[in-house]
Amino acid sequence: MKLFGKEYDIDTKHFTYYFFGLKISKKDKIGILKAQNEYLTNVINTALGAENMPKATGEVREWQLELLELLKEFDKICRENNLQYWLDFGTLLGAIRHKGFIPWDDDLDVSMMSSDVDKVIPILKEKFKDSNYIVRERALHCNNFQLRIRNKQYNLGMDVFRMFDYPAKNYSDEIRSTVNEDILHNRKIFEKKFKSNKNFGEAKRYLNEFHDKFFGDQTDPKKVLLSRGIDFPYDEDYVTTPYDDIFPLKEFEFEGCILPIPNKPEEYMSHFWKNWKDIPTGIGGIYVNYLHDYKNSKSDY
């Protein structure tokens, strides 16, 4: 007789516990939900295709449409001031895979060269000073200095990520590997030096000095490698990007608008999503949790 222990039956999704010889069986509800979710996403990918998924409905769609108006305004500002930006991360994925928002997405992601971010900040602050949006230059929970335009009532907004060009004379795997290692090494130094997010001014000065020294002149349009600096929370498999993956920018449809995207979006996205064409498993409840956690929230993120 087994006195103590635990067993799991992968076929029936049941845990069996032994306590002083007493046998207790319990359903693995999480395992069952995961299996069901994986089955449904496989059906969608096989029969429907991610690109044919219906758009979000209800509050999620209302929020997406509000974000779309923000994106249109941002696009207008950039075009009027000759500033370049491009759709990035989940927003880029939504454009390529869905021609709009990913159905469960709840924010906007764009990127700009760092020199253009510096130029757009005062314009945005003036534009939104008497609006329902605030413009802030750093995530409050960490020392990540991406620009964010956030709705004052809801945690809806747009992240604007900085991109830097690295002055490599030519491109090779060896050069890229060396640059990646240098950036990750200095990222760790930065994190250790500024664990507290209270040192805004000091952290910003440190970043500016390092980026000026490491990345050099940000006005040369023909650099070979692009990176997000040392304050960005990298996946270590994706630190630098070939220049021609991003530039020259081209335009693509997003929610009926024609907006800028990277030059080689599929190659670019493959750096950090190997199966980006497929609906991921585990999507269930994402925007339900978002509604629960962030609706009417006064906190920033």
C-alpha atoms as a PDB file:
ATOM      1  CA  MET A   1       0.000   0.000   0.000  1.00  0.00           C
ATOM      2  CA  LYS A   2       1.333   3.462  -0.977  1.00  0.00           C
ATOM      3  CA  LEU A   3       1.247   5.767   2.072  1.00  0.00           C
ATOM      4  CA  PHE A   4       2.251   9.105   0.541  1.00  0.00           C
ATOM      5  CA  GLY A   5       2.740  10.482  -2.944  1.00  0.00           C
ATOM      6  CA  LYS A   6       1.176  11.964  -6.044  1.00  0.00           C
ATOM      7  CA  GLU A   7       0.528  10.561  -9.520  1.00  0.00           C
ATOM      8  CA  TYR A   8      -0.785  12.166 -12.693  1.00  0.00           C
ATOM      9  CA  ASP A   9      -2.710  10.437 -15.478  1.00  0.00           C
ATOM     10  CA  ILE A  10      -2.075  12.417 -18.664  1.00  0.00           C
ATOM     11  CA  ASP A  11      -4.945  10.708 -20.503  1.00  0.00           C
ATOM     12  CA  THR A  12      -7.709  11.345 -17.961  1.00  0.00           C
ATOM     13  CA  LYS A  13      -6.190  14.615 -16.654  1.00  0.00           C
ATOM     14  CA  HIS A  14      -6.520  13.474 -13.039  1.00  0.00           C
ATOM     15  CA  PHE A  15      -4.194  13.843 -10.078  1.00  0.00           C
ATOM     16  CA  THR A  16      -4.137  10.975  -7.569  1.00  0.00           C
ATOM     17  CA  TYR A  17      -2.898  11.779  -4.053  1.00  0.00           C
ATOM     18  CA  TYR A  18      -1.929   9.215  -1.378  1.00  0.00           C
ATOM     19  CA  PHE A  19      -2.149  10.288   2.263  1.00  0.00           C
ATOM     20  CA  PHE A  20      -1.702   7.610   4.951  1.00  0.00           C
ATOM     21  CA  GLY A  21      -2.875   5.099   2.360  1.00  0.00           C
ATOM     22  CA  LEU A  22      -5.994   7.100   1.521  1.00  0.00           C
ATOM     23  CA  LYS A  23      -6.386   7.551  -2.231  1.00  0.00           C
ATOM     24  CA  ILE A  24      -7.824  10.878  -3.393  1.00  0.00           C
ATOM     25  CA  SER A  25      -8.491  11.635  -7.075  1.00  0.00           C
ATOM     26  CA  LYS A  26      -8.906  15.174  -8.365  1.00  0.00           C
ATOM     27  CA  LYS A  27      -9.455  16.628 -11.808  1.00  0.00           C
ATOM     28  CA  ASP A  28      -6.680  18.792 -13.182  1.00  0.00           C
ATOM     29  CA  LYS A  29      -8.958  21.641 -14.252  1.00  0.00           C
ATOM     30  CA  ILE A  30      -6.099  23.787 -15.537  1.00  0.00           C
ATOM     31  CA  GLY A  31      -4.746  20.887 -17.577  1.00  0.00           C
ATOM     32  CA  ILE A  32      -8.194  20.254 -19.039  1.00  0.00           C
ATOM     33  CA  LEU A  33      -8.629  23.922 -19.992  1.00  0.00           C
ATOM     34  CA  LYS A  34      -5.175  24.019 -21.562  1.00  0.00           C
ATOM     35  CA  ALA A  35      -5.937  20.888 -23.580  1.00  0.00           C
ATOM     36  CA  GLN A  36      -9.262  22.322 -24.739  1.00  0.00           C
ATOM     37  CA  ASN A  37      -7.649  25.637 -25.628  1.00  0.00           C
ATOM     38  CA  GLU A  38      -4.853  23.926 -27.551  1.00  0.00           C
ATOM     39  CA  TYR A  39      -7.427  21.876 -29.465  1.00  0.00           C
ATOM     40  CA  LEU A  40      -9.455  24.981 -30.370  1.00  0.00           C
ATOM     41  CA  THR A  41      -6.420  26.960 -31.514  1.00  0.00           C
ATOM     42  CA  ASN A  42      -5.303  24.010 -33.640  1.00  0.00           C
ATOM     43  CA  VAL A  43      -8.751  23.947 -35.244  1.00  0.00           C
ATOM     44  CA  ILE A  44      -8.564  27.679 -35.936  1.00  0.00           C
ATOM     45  CA  ASN A  45      -5.089  27.437 -37.454  1.00  0.00           C
ATOM     46  CA  THR A  46      -5.960  24.390 -39.565  1.00  0.00           C
ATOM     47  CA  ALA A  47      -9.504  25.118 -40.715  1.00  0.00           C
ATOM     48  CA  LEU A  48      -9.916  28.885 -40.488  1.00  0.00           C
ATOM     49  CA  GLY A  49      -6.447  30.367 -40.539  1.00  0.00           C
ATOM     50  CA  ALA A  50      -5.296  33.098 -38.177  1.00  0.00           C
ATOM     51  CA  GLU A  51      -5.777  35.745 -40.864  1.00  0.00           C
ATOM     52  CA  ASN A  52      -9.525  34.951 -41.069  1.00  0.00           C
ATOM     53  CA  MET A  53     -10.337  35.276 -37.384  1.00  0.00           C
ATOM     54  CA  PRO A  54     -13.220  37.672 -36.670  1.00  0.00           C
ATOM     55  CA  LYS A  55     -12.450  40.991 -35.040  1.00  0.00           C
ATOM     56  CA  ALA A  56     -12.971  41.602 -31.342  1.00  0.00           C
ATOM     57  CA  THR A  57     -16.398  42.676 -30.126  1.00  0.00           C
ATOM     58  CA  GLY A  58     -17.838  44.617 -27.183  1.00  0.00           C
ATOM     59  CA  GLU A  59     -15.617  46.724 -24.948  1.00  0.00           C
ATOM     60  CA  VAL A  60     -12.408  45.293 -26.362  1.00  0.00           C
ATOM     61  CA  ARG A  61     -13.352  46.454 -29.850  1.00  0.00           C
ATOM     62  CA  GLU A  62     -14.454  49.856 -28.540  1.00  0.00           C
ATOM     63  CA  TRP A  63     -11.050  50.262 -26.904  1.00  0.00           C
ATOM     64  CA  GLN A  64      -9.272  49.195 -30.073  1.00  0.00           C
ATOM     65  CA  LEU A  65     -11.182  51.793 -32.083  1.00  0.00           C
ATOM     66  CA  GLU A  66     -10.213  54.482 -29.565  1.00  0.00           C
ATOM     67  CA  LEU A  67      -6.588  53.406 -29.912  1.00  0.00           C
ATOM     68  CA  LEU A  68      -6.943  53.568 -33.684  1.00  0.00           C
ATOM     69  CA  GLU A  69      -7.885  57.242 -33.422  1.00  0.00           C
ATOM     70  CA  LEU A  70      -4.789  57.814 -31.293  1.00  0.00           C
ATOM     71  CA  LEU A  71      -2.646  56.044 -33.888  1.00  0.00           C
ATOM     72  CA  LYS A  72      -4.138  58.172 -36.686  1.00  0.00           C
ATOM     73  CA  GLU A  73      -3.277  61.329 -34.744  1.00  0.00           C
ATOM     74  CA  PHE A  74       0.261  60.083 -34.080  1.00  0.00           C
ATOM     75  CA  ASP A  75       0.684  59.216 -37.769  1.00  0.00           C
ATOM     76  CA  LYS A  76      -0.476  62.701 -38.776  1.00  0.00           C
ATOM     77  CA  ILE A  77       1.968  64.361 -36.368  1.00  0.00           C
ATOM     78  CA  CYS A  78       4.890  62.296 -37.653  1.00  0.00           C
ATOM     79  CA  ARG A  79       4.080  62.938 -41.315  1.00  0.00           C
ATOM     80  CA  GLU A  80       3.644  66.678 -40.752  1.00  0.00           C
ATOM     81  CA  ASN A  81       7.004  66.876 -38.976  1.00  0.00           C
ATOM     82  CA  ASN A  82       8.934  64.538 -41.306  1.00  0.00           C
ATOM     83  CA  LEU A  83       9.507  61.954 -38.556  1.00  0.00           C
ATOM     84  CA  GLN A  84       9.719  58.241 -39.301  1.00  0.00           C
ATOM     85  CA  TYR A  85       8.024  55.541 -37.245  1.00  0.00           C
ATOM     86  CA  TRP A  86       6.823  52.021 -37.920  1.00  0.00           C
ATOM     87  CA  LEU A  87       4.315  49.566 -36.477  1.00  0.00           C
ATOM     88  CA  ASP A  88       6.099  47.089 -34.220  1.00  0.00           C
ATOM     89  CA  PHE A  89       5.635  44.026 -31.994  1.00  0.00           C
ATOM     90  CA  GLY A  90       1.965  43.005 -31.572  1.00  0.00           C
ATOM     91  CA  THR A  91       0.677  45.899 -33.683  1.00  0.00           C
ATOM     92  CA  LEU A  92       2.913  44.865 -36.588  1.00  0.00           C
ATOM     93  CA  LEU A  93       1.883  41.236 -36.139  1.00  0.00           C
ATOM     94  CA  GLY A  94      -1.762  42.329 -36.215  1.00  0.00           C
ATOM     95  CA  ALA A  95      -1.193  44.292 -39.420  1.00  0.00           C
ATOM     96  CA  ILE A  96       0.476  41.402 -41.259  1.00  0.00           C
ATOM     97  CA  ARG A  97      -1.682  38.574 -39.911  1.00  0.00           C
ATOM     98  CA  HIS A  98      -5.067  40.303 -39.415  1.00  0.00           C
ATOM     99  CA  LYS A  99      -4.769  43.637 -41.311  1.00  0.00           C
ATOM    100  CA  GLY A 100      -5.657  45.262 -38.003  1.00  0.00           C
ATOM    101  CA  PHE A 101      -5.578  44.588 -34.297  1.00  0.00           C
ATOM    102  CA  ILE A 102      -4.929  41.073 -33.062  1.00  0.00           C
ATOM    103  CA  PRO A 103      -8.469  40.256 -31.828  1.00  0.00           C
ATOM    104  CA  TRP A 104      -7.386  40.110 -28.178  1.00  0.00           C
ATOM    105  CA  ASP A 105      -4.826  42.943 -28.275  1.00  0.00           C
ATOM    106  CA  ASP A 106      -5.262  45.970 -26.045  1.00  0.00           C
ATOM    107  CA  ASP A 107      -2.457  48.418 -26.847  1.00  0.00           C
ATOM    108  CA  LEU A 108      -0.344  49.894 -29.634  1.00  0.00           C
ATOM    109  CA  ASP A 109       3.367  49.398 -30.270  1.00  0.00           C
ATOM    110  CA  VAL A 110       5.448  51.521 -32.609  1.00  0.00           C
ATOM    111  CA  SER A 111       9.161  52.233 -32.901  1.00  0.00           C
ATOM    112  CA  MET A 112      11.237  55.220 -33.995  1.00  0.00           C
ATOM    113  CA  MET A 113      14.884  56.089 -34.252  1.00  0.00           C
ATOM    114  CA  SER A 114      15.956  57.657 -30.970  1.00  0.00           C
ATOM    115  CA  SER A 115      16.714  61.030 -32.559  1.00  0.00           C
ATOM    116  CA  ASP A 116      13.127  61.219 -33.873  1.00  0.00           C
ATOM    117  CA  VAL A 117      11.716  60.242 -30.450  1.00  0.00           C
ATOM    118  CA  ASP A 118      13.501  63.254 -28.948  1.00  0.00           C
ATOM    119  CA  LYS A 119      11.895  65.465 -31.582  1.00  0.00           C
ATOM    120  CA  VAL A 120       8.372  64.103 -31.189  1.00  0.00           C
ATOM    121  CA  ILE A 121       8.209  64.266 -27.359  1.00  0.00           C
ATOM    122  CA  PRO A 122       7.650  68.059 -27.061  1.00  0.00           C
ATOM    123  CA  ILE A 123       5.146  67.963 -29.938  1.00  0.00           C
ATOM    124  CA  LEU A 124       3.137  65.202 -28.244  1.00  0.00           C
ATOM    125  CA  LYS A 125       3.211  66.928 -24.858  1.00  0.00           C
ATOM    126  CA  GLU A 126       1.842  70.091 -26.405  1.00  0.00           C
ATOM    127  CA  LYS A 127      -0.757  68.225 -28.472  1.00  0.00           C
ATOM    128  CA  PHE A 128      -2.154  66.198 -25.562  1.00  0.00           C
ATOM    129  CA  LYS A 129      -1.731  68.672 -22.679  1.00  0.00           C
ATOM    130  CA  ASP A 130      -5.475  69.375 -22.422  1.00  0.00           C
ATOM    131  CA  SER A 131      -6.723  65.967 -23.523  1.00  0.00           C
ATOM    132  CA  ASN A 132      -7.627  62.613 -21.977  1.00  0.00           C
ATOM    133  CA  TYR A 133      -4.068  61.424 -22.564  1.00  0.00           C
ATOM    134  CA  ILE A 134      -0.795  61.908 -20.730  1.00  0.00           C
ATOM    135  CA  VAL A 135       2.670  61.590 -22.241  1.00  0.00           C
ATOM    136  CA  ARG A 136       5.367  60.023 -20.109  1.00  0.00           C
ATOM    137  CA  GLU A 137       8.958  59.106 -20.933  1.00  0.00           C
ATOM    138  CA  ARG A 138       9.527  56.053 -18.769  1.00  0.00           C
ATOM    139  CA  ALA A 139       7.689  53.004 -17.443  1.00  0.00           C
ATOM    140  CA  LEU A 140       7.017  53.696 -13.776  1.00  0.00           C
ATOM    141  CA  HIS A 141       7.687  50.137 -12.628  1.00  0.00           C
ATOM    142  CA  CYS A 142      11.202  49.930 -14.107  1.00  0.00           C
ATOM    143  CA  ASN A 143      13.954  51.915 -15.802  1.00  0.00           C
ATOM    144  CA  ASN A 144      12.674  51.257 -19.298  1.00  0.00           C
ATOM    145  CA  PHE A 145      12.643  54.625 -21.058  1.00  0.00           C
ATOM    146  CA  GLN A 146      10.180  53.929 -23.838  1.00  0.00           C
ATOM    147  CA  LEU A 147       7.767  56.769 -24.509  1.00  0.00           C
ATOM    148  CA  ARG A 148       4.117  56.105 -23.659  1.00  0.00           C
ATOM    149  CA  ILE A 149       0.898  57.947 -24.501  1.00  0.00           C
ATOM    150  CA  ARG A 150      -1.721  56.746 -22.009  1.00  0.00           C
ATOM    151  CA  ASN A 151      -5.414  57.403 -21.495  1.00  0.00           C
ATOM    152  CA  LYS A 152      -5.935  59.038 -18.081  1.00  0.00           C
ATOM    153  CA  GLN A 153      -9.015  56.977 -17.241  1.00  0.00           C
ATOM    154  CA  TYR A 154      -8.173  53.603 -18.746  1.00  0.00           C
ATOM    155  CA  ASN A 155      -4.802  51.962 -19.131  1.00  0.00           C
ATOM    156  CA  LEU A 156      -5.087  52.200 -22.890  1.00  0.00           C
ATOM    157  CA  GLY A 157      -2.167  53.571 -24.759  1.00  0.00           C
ATOM    158  CA  MET A 158       0.685  53.506 -27.216  1.00  0.00           C
ATOM    159  CA  ASP A 159       4.275  52.548 -26.504  1.00  0.00           C
ATOM    160  CA  VAL A 160       6.913  54.274 -28.624  1.00  0.00           C
ATOM    161  CA  PHE A 161      10.181  52.328 -28.508  1.00  0.00           C
ATOM    162  CA  ARG A 162      13.557  53.861 -29.297  1.00  0.00           C
ATOM    163  CA  MET A 163      15.865  52.322 -31.867  1.00  0.00           C
ATOM    164  CA  PHE A 164      19.573  53.092 -32.247  1.00  0.00           C
ATOM    165  CA  ASP A 165      21.924  52.402 -35.138  1.00  0.00           C
ATOM    166  CA  TYR A 166      25.316  50.852 -34.521  1.00  0.00           C
ATOM    167  CA  PRO A 167      28.262  52.154 -36.611  1.00  0.00           C
ATOM    168  CA  ALA A 168      29.482  48.837 -38.025  1.00  0.00           C
ATOM    169  CA  LYS A 169      31.439  49.145 -41.277  1.00  0.00           C
ATOM    170  CA  ASN A 170      30.099  45.833 -42.505  1.00  0.00           C
ATOM    171  CA  TYR A 171      27.711  43.141 -41.394  1.00  0.00           C
ATOM    172  CA  SER A 172      28.742  39.673 -40.283  1.00  0.00           C
ATOM    173  CA  ASP A 173      27.607  37.101 -37.722  1.00  0.00           C
ATOM    174  CA  GLU A 174      30.814  37.741 -35.795  1.00  0.00           C
ATOM    175  CA  ILE A 175      30.239  41.496 -35.571  1.00  0.00           C
ATOM    176  CA  ARG A 176      26.610  41.022 -34.636  1.00  0.00           C
ATOM    177  CA  SER A 177      27.508  38.497 -31.929  1.00  0.00           C
ATOM    178  CA  THR A 178      30.062  40.896 -30.425  1.00  0.00           C
ATOM    179  CA  VAL A 179      27.596  43.794 -30.432  1.00  0.00           C
ATOM    180  CA  ASN A 180      24.885  41.590 -28.888  1.00  0.00           C
ATOM    181  CA  GLU A 181      27.228  40.535 -26.072  1.00  0.00           C
ATOM    182  CA  ASP A 182      28.268  44.130 -25.397  1.00  0.00           C
ATOM    183  CA  ILE A 183      24.663  45.321 -25.202  1.00  0.00           C
ATOM    184  CA  LEU A 184      23.553  42.488 -22.918  1.00  0.00           C
ATOM    185  CA  HIS A 185      26.608  42.984 -20.681  1.00  0.00           C
ATOM    186  CA  ASN A 186      25.898  46.686 -20.300  1.00  0.00           C
ATOM    187  CA  ARG A 187      22.190  45.969 -19.831  1.00  0.00           C
ATOM    188  CA  LYS A 188      23.073  43.927 -16.728  1.00  0.00           C
ATOM    189  CA  ILE A 189      25.312  46.726 -15.429  1.00  0.00           C
ATOM    190  CA  PHE A 190      22.513  49.236 -15.943  1.00  0.00           C
ATOM    191  CA  GLU A 191      19.942  47.031 -14.173  1.00  0.00           C
ATOM    192  CA  LYS A 192      22.256  46.501 -11.221  1.00  0.00           C
ATOM    193  CA  LYS A 193      23.212  50.169 -10.958  1.00  0.00           C
ATOM    194  CA  PHE A 194      19.615  51.400 -11.132  1.00  0.00           C
ATOM    195  CA  LYS A 195      17.550  48.756  -9.360  1.00  0.00           C
ATOM    196  CA  SER A 196      15.379  51.473  -7.857  1.00  0.00           C
ATOM    197  CA  ASN A 197      13.192  53.315 -10.343  1.00  0.00           C
ATOM    198  CA  LYS A 198      13.464  56.482  -8.248  1.00  0.00           C
ATOM    199  CA  ASN A 199      16.721  57.590  -9.875  1.00  0.00           C
ATOM    200  CA  PHE A 200      15.043  58.968 -12.989  1.00  0.00           C
ATOM    201  CA  GLY A 201      17.462  61.812 -13.688  1.00  0.00           C
ATOM    202  CA  GLU A 202      20.620  59.860 -12.910  1.00  0.00           C
ATOM    203  CA  ALA A 203      19.472  56.816 -14.895  1.00  0.00           C
ATOM    204  CA  LYS A 204      18.567  58.999 -17.878  1.00  0.00           C
ATOM    205  CA  ARG A 205      21.952  60.745 -17.840  1.00  0.00           C
ATOM    206  CA  TYR A 206      23.734  57.394 -17.614  1.00  0.00           C
ATOM    207  CA  LEU A 207      21.734  56.083 -20.569  1.00  0.00           C
ATOM    208  CA  ASN A 208      22.357  59.159 -22.696  1.00  0.00           C
ATOM    209  CA  GLU A 209      26.111  59.060 -22.052  1.00  0.00           C
ATOM    210  CA  PHE A 210      26.346  55.340 -22.797  1.00  0.00           C
ATOM    211  CA  HIS A 211      24.186  55.488 -25.930  1.00  0.00           C
ATOM    212  CA  ASP A 212      26.076  58.512 -27.292  1.00  0.00           C
ATOM    213  CA  LYS A 213      29.364  56.683 -26.803  1.00  0.00           C
ATOM    214  CA  PHE A 214      28.269  53.211 -27.923  1.00  0.00           C
ATOM    215  CA  PHE A 215      25.966  54.055 -30.826  1.00  0.00           C
ATOM    216  CA  GLY A 216      27.570  57.307 -31.901  1.00  0.00           C
ATOM    217  CA  ASP A 217      26.037  59.695 -34.410  1.00  0.00           C
ATOM    218  CA  GLN A 218      22.321  59.019 -34.878  1.00  0.00           C
ATOM    219  CA  THR A 219      22.026  60.979 -38.127  1.00  0.00           C
ATOM    220  CA  ASP A 220      23.751  58.513 -40.499  1.00  0.00           C
ATOM    221  CA  PRO A 221      21.010  56.704 -42.475  1.00  0.00           C
ATOM    222  CA  LYS A 222      23.287  53.873 -43.635  1.00  0.00           C
ATOM    223  CA  LYS A 223      24.331  52.086 -40.462  1.00  0.00           C
ATOM    224  CA  VAL A 224      24.269  48.295 -40.573  1.00  0.00           C
ATOM    225  CA  LEU A 225      22.819  47.163 -37.221  1.00  0.00           C
ATOM    226  CA  LEU A 226      19.892  48.468 -35.188  1.00  0.00           C
ATOM    227  CA  SER A 227      19.315  47.958 -31.464  1.00  0.00           C
ATOM    228  CA  ARG A 228      16.955  49.193 -28.741  1.00  0.00           C
ATOM    229  CA  GLY A 229      19.612  50.341 -26.267  1.00  0.00           C
ATOM    230  CA  ILE A 230      20.507  49.002 -22.845  1.00  0.00           C
ATOM    231  CA  ASP A 231      17.285  49.860 -21.009  1.00  0.00           C
ATOM    232  CA  PHE A 232      15.186  47.490 -23.136  1.00  0.00           C
ATOM    233  CA  PRO A 233      14.196  44.109 -21.566  1.00  0.00           C
ATOM    234  CA  TYR A 234      15.705  41.856 -24.215  1.00  0.00           C
ATOM    235  CA  ASP A 235      15.021  38.301 -25.114  1.00  0.00           C
ATOM    236  CA  GLU A 236      18.644  37.238 -25.477  1.00  0.00           C
ATOM    237  CA  ASP A 237      17.925  35.674 -28.880  1.00  0.00           C
ATOM    238  CA  TYR A 238      16.921  39.056 -30.239  1.00  0.00           C
ATOM    239  CA  VAL A 239      19.196  41.998 -29.497  1.00  0.00           C
ATOM    240  CA  THR A 240      20.158  43.544 -32.834  1.00  0.00           C
ATOM    241  CA  THR A 241      18.356  43.790 -36.159  1.00  0.00           C
ATOM    242  CA  PRO A 242      19.860  44.123 -39.636  1.00  0.00           C
ATOM    243  CA  TYR A 243      19.292  47.645 -40.932  1.00  0.00           C
ATOM    244  CA  ASP A 244      17.614  46.459 -44.121  1.00  0.00           C
ATOM    245  CA  ASP A 245      15.015  44.470 -42.161  1.00  0.00           C
ATOM    246  CA  ILE A 246      13.594  47.876 -41.153  1.00  0.00           C
ATOM    247  CA  PHE A 247      14.639  50.393 -43.811  1.00  0.00           C
ATOM    248  CA  PRO A 248      13.475  51.627 -46.191  1.00  0.00           C
ATOM    249  CA  LEU A 249      10.046  51.582 -44.593  1.00  0.00           C
ATOM    250  CA  LYS A 250       7.040  50.554 -46.648  1.00  0.00           C
ATOM    251  CA  GLU A 251       3.313  50.965 -46.097  1.00  0.00           C
ATOM    252  CA  PHE A 252       0.662  48.401 -45.262  1.00  0.00           C
ATOM    253  CA  GLU A 253      -3.010  48.231 -44.346  1.00  0.00           C
ATOM    254  CA  PHE A 254      -4.011  48.405 -40.692  1.00  0.00           C
ATOM    255  CA  GLU A 255      -7.727  48.746 -39.846  1.00  0.00           C
ATOM    256  CA  GLY A 256      -8.381  50.404 -43.204  1.00  0.00           C
ATOM    257  CA  CYS A 257      -5.482  52.872 -42.816  1.00  0.00           C
ATOM    258  CA  ILE A 258      -2.209  52.780 -44.751  1.00  0.00           C
ATOM    259  CA  LEU A 259       0.628  52.966 -42.221  1.00  0.00           C
ATOM    260  CA  PRO A 260       4.414  52.409 -42.166  1.00  0.00           C
ATOM    261  CA  ILE A 261       5.871  48.990 -41.412  1.00  0.00           C
ATOM    262  CA  PRO A 262       9.413  47.519 -41.621  1.00  0.00           C
ATOM    263  CA  ASN A 263      10.931  46.772 -45.010  1.00  0.00           C
ATOM    264  CA  LYS A 264      11.012  43.000 -44.371  1.00  0.00           C
ATOM    265  CA  PRO A 265       8.270  42.390 -41.826  1.00  0.00           C
ATOM    266  CA  GLU A 266       8.253  38.595 -42.042  1.00  0.00           C
ATOM    267  CA  GLU A 267      12.031  38.270 -41.561  1.00  0.00           C
ATOM    268  CA  TYR A 268      11.905  40.848 -38.789  1.00  0.00           C
ATOM    269  CA  MET A 269       9.069  39.152 -36.868  1.00  0.00           C
ATOM    270  CA  SER A 270      10.713  35.750 -37.230  1.00  0.00           C
ATOM    271  CA  HIS A 271      13.520  37.004 -34.963  1.00  0.00           C
ATOM    272  CA  PHE A 272      11.201  36.838 -31.966  1.00  0.00           C
ATOM    273  CA  TRP A 273       8.185  34.748 -33.071  1.00  0.00           C
ATOM    274  CA  LYS A 274       9.135  31.563 -34.908  1.00  0.00           C
ATOM    275  CA  ASN A 275       5.481  30.603 -35.522  1.00  0.00           C
ATOM    276  CA  TRP A 276       4.023  34.080 -35.866  1.00  0.00           C
ATOM    277  CA  LYS A 277       1.546  32.985 -38.562  1.00  0.00           C
ATOM    278  CA  ASP A 278      -0.293  30.715 -36.107  1.00  0.00           C
ATOM    279  CA  ILE A 279      -2.709  31.572 -33.324  1.00  0.00           C
ATOM    280  CA  PRO A 280      -0.838  30.831 -30.077  1.00  0.00           C
ATOM    281  CA  THR A 281      -2.152  28.382 -27.521  1.00  0.00           C
ATOM    282  CA  GLY A 282      -3.097  30.038 -24.263  1.00  0.00           C
ATOM    283  CA  ILE A 283      -5.052  32.976 -25.682  1.00  0.00           C
ATOM    284  CA  GLY A 284      -8.197  32.229 -23.688  1.00  0.00           C
ATOM    285  CA  GLY A 285      -9.080  34.861 -21.119  1.00  0.00           C
ATOM    286  CA  ILE A 286      -6.364  37.328 -22.057  1.00  0.00           C
ATOM    287  CA  TYR A 287      -8.629  40.296 -22.645  1.00  0.00           C
ATOM    288  CA  VAL A 288     -11.062  39.121 -19.958  1.00  0.00           C
ATOM    289  CA  ASN A 289      -8.206  39.419 -17.438  1.00  0.00           C
ATOM    290  CA  TYR A 290      -7.278  42.772 -18.945  1.00  0.00           C
ATOM    291  CA  LEU A 291     -10.811  44.082 -18.437  1.00  0.00           C
ATOM    292  CA  HIS A 292     -10.833  42.843 -14.862  1.00  0.00           C
ATOM    293  CA  ASP A 293      -7.425  44.199 -13.919  1.00  0.00           C
ATOM    294  CA  TYR A 294      -7.238  47.513 -15.764  1.00  0.00           C
ATOM    295  CA  LYS A 295     -10.702  48.924 -16.376  1.00  0.00           C
ATOM    296  CA  ASN A 296     -10.963  52.233 -14.507  1.00  0.00           C
ATOM    297  CA  SER A 297      -7.445  51.653 -13.142  1.00  0.00           C
ATOM    298  CA  LYS A 298      -5.560  54.769 -12.079  1.00  0.00           C
ATOM    299  CA  SER A 299      -2.188  53.056 -12.039  1.00  0.00           C
ATOM    300  CA  ASP A 300       0.341  53.226 -14.853  1.00  0.00           C
ATOM    301  CA  TYR A 301       2.332  50.385 -16.366  1.00  0.00           C
END
